[in-house]
Amino acid sequence: MLYNPKWDTRPILDQWIDWLETKDPDEKYEWSSIPECACGQYFGEGWQSINGTSRLNAIARGFKSVTDRADHTFGQCLVRAKQVRDNPWW
């Protein structure tokens, strides 16, 4: 599914969480590859220019080291996204 911001007026984080919930939680993504990362798979090509995606990219990267690939599953990404949504101080 490619994202078009005109389709949904909810906050971008909520929209992304809804999509993450449809993914296999054990499926891995390649954070360092723009088309294969969680954001790239949701938004499609050119997602870096969409307002608000830098925050989502940080969530997809994980709160630990970029090299900690155990964090790069859709299930772990969903957990982090919900933490950020539920704790606005993050």
C-alpha atoms as a PDB file:
ATOM      1  CA  MET A   1       0.000   0.000   0.000  1.00  0.00           C
ATOM      2  CA  LEU A   2       1.367   3.392  -0.883  1.00  0.00           C
ATOM      3  CA  TYR A   3       0.519   6.386   1.234  1.00  0.00           C
ATOM      4  CA  ASN A   4      -1.212   9.518   0.016  1.00  0.00           C
ATOM      5  CA  PRO A   5      -1.574  12.138   2.778  1.00  0.00           C
ATOM      6  CA  LYS A   6      -4.865  13.347   1.290  1.00  0.00           C
ATOM      7  CA  TRP A   7      -6.542  10.020   2.091  1.00  0.00           C
ATOM      8  CA  ASP A   8      -6.439  10.281   5.842  1.00  0.00           C
ATOM      9  CA  THR A   9      -6.476  13.263   8.152  1.00  0.00           C
ATOM     10  CA  ARG A  10      -5.419  11.424  11.315  1.00  0.00           C
ATOM     11  CA  PRO A  11      -1.900  12.014  12.665  1.00  0.00           C
ATOM     12  CA  ILE A  12       0.728  10.284  10.541  1.00  0.00           C
ATOM     13  CA  LEU A  13       1.899   8.201  13.502  1.00  0.00           C
ATOM     14  CA  ASP A  14      -1.600   6.765  14.033  1.00  0.00           C
ATOM     15  CA  GLN A  15      -1.894   5.893  10.356  1.00  0.00           C
ATOM     16  CA  TRP A  16       1.478   4.138  10.410  1.00  0.00           C
ATOM     17  CA  ILE A  17       0.570   2.202  13.567  1.00  0.00           C
ATOM     18  CA  ASP A  18      -2.585   0.931  11.864  1.00  0.00           C
ATOM     19  CA  TRP A  19      -0.475  -0.334   8.960  1.00  0.00           C
ATOM     20  CA  LEU A  20       2.151  -1.889  11.251  1.00  0.00           C
ATOM     21  CA  GLU A  21      -0.634  -3.848  12.938  1.00  0.00           C
ATOM     22  CA  THR A  22      -1.341  -5.582   9.625  1.00  0.00           C
ATOM     23  CA  LYS A  23       2.243  -6.826   9.255  1.00  0.00           C
ATOM     24  CA  ASP A  24       3.637 -10.133  10.520  1.00  0.00           C
ATOM     25  CA  PRO A  25       5.285  -9.135  13.814  1.00  0.00           C
ATOM     26  CA  ASP A  26       8.193 -11.523  13.200  1.00  0.00           C
ATOM     27  CA  GLU A  27       8.913 -10.226   9.696  1.00  0.00           C
ATOM     28  CA  LYS A  28      12.188  -8.341   9.465  1.00  0.00           C
ATOM     29  CA  TYR A  29      12.877  -5.227   7.440  1.00  0.00           C
ATOM     30  CA  GLU A  30      16.165  -3.698   6.330  1.00  0.00           C
ATOM     31  CA  TRP A  31      16.331  -0.315   8.027  1.00  0.00           C
ATOM     32  CA  SER A  32      19.375   0.856   6.053  1.00  0.00           C
ATOM     33  CA  SER A  33      17.685   0.287   2.668  1.00  0.00           C
ATOM     34  CA  ILE A  34      15.238   3.051   1.747  1.00  0.00           C
ATOM     35  CA  PRO A  35      12.805   0.855  -0.244  1.00  0.00           C
ATOM     36  CA  GLU A  36      13.033  -2.067   2.219  1.00  0.00           C
ATOM     37  CA  CYS A  37      12.751  -0.179   5.497  1.00  0.00           C
ATOM     38  CA  ALA A  38       9.460   0.060   7.376  1.00  0.00           C
ATOM     39  CA  CYS A  39       8.849   3.623   6.176  1.00  0.00           C
ATOM     40  CA  GLY A  40       9.735   2.820   2.575  1.00  0.00           C
ATOM     41  CA  GLN A  41       7.415  -0.176   2.509  1.00  0.00           C
ATOM     42  CA  TYR A  42       4.530   1.926   3.790  1.00  0.00           C
ATOM     43  CA  PHE A  43       5.049   5.243   2.011  1.00  0.00           C
ATOM     44  CA  GLY A  44       6.815   4.137  -1.162  1.00  0.00           C
ATOM     45  CA  GLU A  45       9.503   6.037  -3.009  1.00  0.00           C
ATOM     46  CA  GLY A  46      10.211   9.586  -1.898  1.00  0.00           C
ATOM     47  CA  TRP A  47       8.917   9.118   1.636  1.00  0.00           C
ATOM     48  CA  GLN A  48      11.760  11.200   3.098  1.00  0.00           C
ATOM     49  CA  SER A  49      10.097  14.378   1.798  1.00  0.00           C
ATOM     50  CA  ILE A  50       6.798  13.705   3.606  1.00  0.00           C
ATOM     51  CA  ASN A  51       6.400  15.851   6.718  1.00  0.00           C
ATOM     52  CA  GLY A  52       6.723  13.830   9.933  1.00  0.00           C
ATOM     53  CA  THR A  53       8.511  10.808   8.537  1.00  0.00           C
ATOM     54  CA  SER A  54      11.861  11.584  10.184  1.00  0.00           C
ATOM     55  CA  ARG A  55      10.241  10.745  13.523  1.00  0.00           C
ATOM     56  CA  LEU A  56       8.863   7.502  12.100  1.00  0.00           C
ATOM     57  CA  ASN A  57      12.264   6.648  10.656  1.00  0.00           C
ATOM     58  CA  ALA A  58      13.816   7.067  14.114  1.00  0.00           C
ATOM     59  CA  ILE A  59      11.184   4.688  15.512  1.00  0.00           C
ATOM     60  CA  ALA A  60      11.922   2.184  12.732  1.00  0.00           C
ATOM     61  CA  ARG A  61      15.663   2.454  13.417  1.00  0.00           C
ATOM     62  CA  GLY A  62      15.090   1.585  17.054  1.00  0.00           C
ATOM     63  CA  PHE A  63      16.125   3.257  20.238  1.00  0.00           C
ATOM     64  CA  LYS A  64      19.335   1.255  20.492  1.00  0.00           C
ATOM     65  CA  SER A  65      22.158   0.990  18.030  1.00  0.00           C
ATOM     66  CA  VAL A  66      21.412   0.919  14.312  1.00  0.00           C
ATOM     67  CA  THR A  67      23.398  -2.304  14.159  1.00  0.00           C
ATOM     68  CA  ASP A  68      21.018  -4.071  16.569  1.00  0.00           C
ATOM     69  CA  ARG A  69      19.029  -5.814  13.851  1.00  0.00           C
ATOM     70  CA  ALA A  70      16.934  -7.686  16.419  1.00  0.00           C
ATOM     71  CA  ASP A  71      14.965  -4.445  16.720  1.00  0.00           C
ATOM     72  CA  HIS A  72      14.169  -4.447  13.009  1.00  0.00           C
ATOM     73  CA  THR A  73      10.993  -6.508  13.013  1.00  0.00           C
ATOM     74  CA  PHE A  74       7.552  -5.081  12.381  1.00  0.00           C
ATOM     75  CA  GLY A  75       6.447  -6.282  15.817  1.00  0.00           C
ATOM     76  CA  GLN A  76       9.240  -4.413  17.607  1.00  0.00           C
ATOM     77  CA  CYS A  77       8.616  -1.362  15.436  1.00  0.00           C
ATOM     78  CA  LEU A  78       4.931  -1.439  16.383  1.00  0.00           C
ATOM     79  CA  VAL A  79       5.795  -1.604  20.081  1.00  0.00           C
ATOM     80  CA  ARG A  80       8.111   1.414  19.754  1.00  0.00           C
ATOM     81  CA  ALA A  81       5.546   3.364  17.702  1.00  0.00           C
ATOM     82  CA  LYS A  82       2.873   2.813  20.347  1.00  0.00           C
ATOM     83  CA  GLN A  83       5.315   3.856  23.085  1.00  0.00           C
ATOM     84  CA  VAL A  84       5.976   7.133  21.295  1.00  0.00           C
ATOM     85  CA  ARG A  85       2.257   7.712  20.675  1.00  0.00           C
ATOM     86  CA  ASP A  86       1.348   6.978  24.295  1.00  0.00           C
ATOM     87  CA  ASN A  87       4.255   8.953  25.791  1.00  0.00           C
ATOM     88  CA  PRO A  88       4.398  12.320  24.016  1.00  0.00           C
ATOM     89  CA  TRP A  89       7.559  13.311  25.910  1.00  0.00           C
ATOM     90  CA  TRP A  90       9.530  10.939  23.639  1.00  0.00           C
END
